[in-house]
Amino acid sequence: MALKVRSDIFKVTTGIDTREIVHTSKLVRDICNMPVQPNKAVVGSNAFAHSSGIHQDGVLKSRSTYEIMTPQSIG
């Protein structure tokens, strides 16, 4: 995802369909019988959750402040 959302900096493309990231993560989780930590970046169940306080205030004012990708972009 870093290569996709910061393509202006990295100046590379992969051709990876990022909308399949969550599906692929779940497939690997099931095959390996290893749970994904809730706080795991990008695919964890809390990846797009925000607590109260200044962080949540920032998200409410401008979501792009803390979320450089959307849940839809990773599936």
Protein backbone atom coordinates (compact mmCIF):
# COMPACT_ATOMS: atom_id res chain seq x y z
CA MET A 1 0.00 0.00 0.00
CA ALA A 2 2.89 2.35 0.63
CA LEU A 3 3.99 1.96 -2.98
CA LYS A 4 0.46 2.73 -4.18
CA VAL A 5 -0.45 5.66 -1.94
CA ARG A 6 3.00 7.23 -2.22
CA SER A 7 3.65 6.49 -5.88
CA ASP A 8 4.68 10.12 -6.33
CA ILE A 9 7.61 9.48 -3.99
CA PHE A 10 8.57 5.90 -4.87
CA LYS A 11 7.94 6.30 -8.59
CA VAL A 12 7.17 2.59 -9.10
CA THR A 13 4.06 0.59 -9.86
CA THR A 14 3.37 -3.05 -9.07
CA GLY A 15 0.22 -4.00 -10.94
CA ILE A 16 -1.11 -5.51 -7.70
CA ASP A 17 -4.89 -5.26 -7.28
CA THR A 18 -4.90 -3.77 -3.78
CA ARG A 19 -8.64 -4.48 -3.46
CA GLU A 20 -7.63 -8.12 -2.89
CA ILE A 21 -5.35 -7.44 0.10
CA VAL A 22 -7.95 -8.21 2.77
CA HIS A 23 -9.16 -11.32 0.92
CA THR A 24 -5.57 -12.56 0.55
CA SER A 25 -4.82 -11.84 4.20
CA LYS A 26 -7.86 -13.87 5.27
CA LEU A 27 -6.85 -16.73 2.97
CA VAL A 28 -3.33 -16.84 4.45
CA ARG A 29 -4.82 -16.59 7.97
CA ASP A 30 -7.06 -19.60 7.29
CA ILE A 31 -4.38 -21.71 5.59
CA CYS A 32 -1.83 -21.04 8.32
CA ASN A 33 -4.41 -21.15 11.12
CA MET A 34 -2.95 -17.94 12.57
CA PRO A 35 -5.18 -15.08 13.67
CA VAL A 36 -4.50 -11.55 12.45
CA GLN A 37 -3.87 -9.14 15.31
CA PRO A 38 -6.62 -6.50 15.58
CA ASN A 39 -4.01 -3.70 15.51
CA LYS A 40 -2.24 -5.07 12.42
CA ALA A 41 -1.67 -2.28 9.91
CA VAL A 42 -3.94 -2.26 6.85
CA VAL A 43 -5.75 -5.60 7.46
CA GLY A 44 -6.39 -5.70 11.22
CA SER A 45 -9.97 -5.28 12.43
CA ASN A 46 -8.97 -2.00 14.10
CA ALA A 47 -7.05 -0.63 11.11
CA PHE A 48 -9.67 2.03 10.43
CA ALA A 49 -10.92 2.48 14.01
CA HIS A 50 -10.23 5.69 15.89
CA SER A 51 -10.33 6.38 19.60
CA SER A 52 -11.59 9.53 21.18
CA GLY A 53 -9.50 12.62 21.67
CA ILE A 54 -7.30 14.68 19.41
CA HIS A 55 -6.79 11.85 16.93
CA GLN A 56 -10.54 11.39 16.42
CA ASP A 57 -10.99 15.16 16.18
CA GLY A 58 -8.42 15.24 13.38
CA VAL A 59 -10.19 12.45 11.52
CA LEU A 60 -13.54 14.20 11.83
CA LYS A 61 -12.08 17.44 10.46
CA SER A 62 -10.10 15.83 7.63
CA ARG A 63 -10.09 12.05 7.25
CA SER A 64 -6.98 12.17 5.05
CA THR A 65 -4.98 13.48 8.02
CA TYR A 66 -4.73 9.97 9.46
CA GLU A 67 -6.09 7.75 6.69
CA ILE A 68 -3.99 7.83 3.55
CA MET A 69 -6.04 4.97 2.07
CA THR A 70 -9.70 4.00 2.16
CA PRO A 71 -11.11 0.68 3.35
CA GLN A 72 -12.47 0.19 -0.18
CA SER A 73 -8.97 0.42 -1.67
CA ILE A 74 -7.89 -2.73 0.20
CA GLY A 75 -11.12 -4.70 -0.14
